[in-house]
Amino acid sequence: EAGKQKCQKCLQIGHWTYECTNKRKYLHRMSRTTVMNKKWKALASALTQGGQNTR
């Protein structure tokens, strides 16, 4: 039933992806480098504050 499905291309409800004539939505995602840097900063601050590795 297509009425409840969410299109993977335009993210609207009511049609299938292969039927979609809309433009693809841009989903902003953080780069892998940004994610890695945030993880390293959190790990470094945890090590300096607590002295333990918190994985």
Protein backbone atom coordinates (compact mmCIF):
# COMPACT_ATOMS: atom_id res chain seq x y z
CA GLU A 1 0.00 0.00 0.00
CA ALA A 2 1.68 3.18 -1.21
CA GLY A 3 -0.46 5.50 0.91
CA LYS A 4 1.63 4.86 4.02
CA GLN A 5 5.03 4.54 2.39
CA LYS A 6 7.66 7.28 2.46
CA CYS A 7 9.48 7.96 -0.80
CA GLN A 8 13.25 7.48 -0.42
CA LYS A 9 13.95 10.16 -3.03
CA CYS A 10 11.81 13.17 -2.05
CA LEU A 11 10.84 12.01 1.48
CA GLN A 12 7.12 12.61 0.88
CA ILE A 13 4.40 10.15 1.83
CA GLY A 14 1.97 8.64 -0.66
CA HIS A 15 4.02 7.19 -3.51
CA TRP A 16 6.79 4.74 -4.24
CA THR A 17 10.34 5.76 -5.10
CA TYR A 18 10.14 4.36 -8.64
CA GLU A 19 7.02 6.49 -9.28
CA CYS A 20 8.63 9.70 -8.01
CA THR A 21 8.93 12.67 -10.37
CA ASN A 22 10.09 15.15 -7.70
CA LYS A 23 13.64 16.35 -7.18
CA ARG A 24 15.84 14.55 -4.70
CA LYS A 25 15.91 16.17 -1.23
CA TYR A 26 19.29 17.18 0.11
CA LEU A 27 19.98 15.69 3.53
CA HIS A 28 22.79 17.46 5.35
CA ARG A 29 25.09 15.03 7.10
CA MET A 30 28.26 15.78 9.00
CA SER A 31 31.42 14.70 7.24
CA ARG A 32 33.32 11.71 8.57
CA THR A 33 36.18 14.02 9.55
CA THR A 34 33.86 16.20 11.63
CA VAL A 35 32.41 13.17 13.40
CA MET A 36 35.90 11.81 14.08
CA ASN A 37 37.15 15.16 15.42
CA LYS A 38 34.16 15.45 17.79
CA LYS A 39 34.85 11.94 19.07
CA TRP A 40 38.55 12.71 19.63
CA LYS A 41 37.77 15.97 21.46
CA ALA A 42 35.24 14.22 23.71
CA LEU A 43 37.70 11.42 24.42
CA ALA A 44 40.52 13.87 25.16
CA SER A 45 38.38 15.91 27.55
CA ALA A 46 37.18 12.74 29.29
CA LEU A 47 40.76 11.58 29.74
CA THR A 48 41.93 14.91 31.14
CA GLN A 49 38.95 15.23 33.50
CA GLY A 50 38.46 11.69 34.71
CA GLY A 51 41.67 9.95 33.89
CA GLN A 52 39.74 6.98 32.58
CA ASN A 53 38.92 5.76 29.11
CA THR A 54 35.14 6.02 28.59
CA ARG A 55 34.29 4.00 25.51
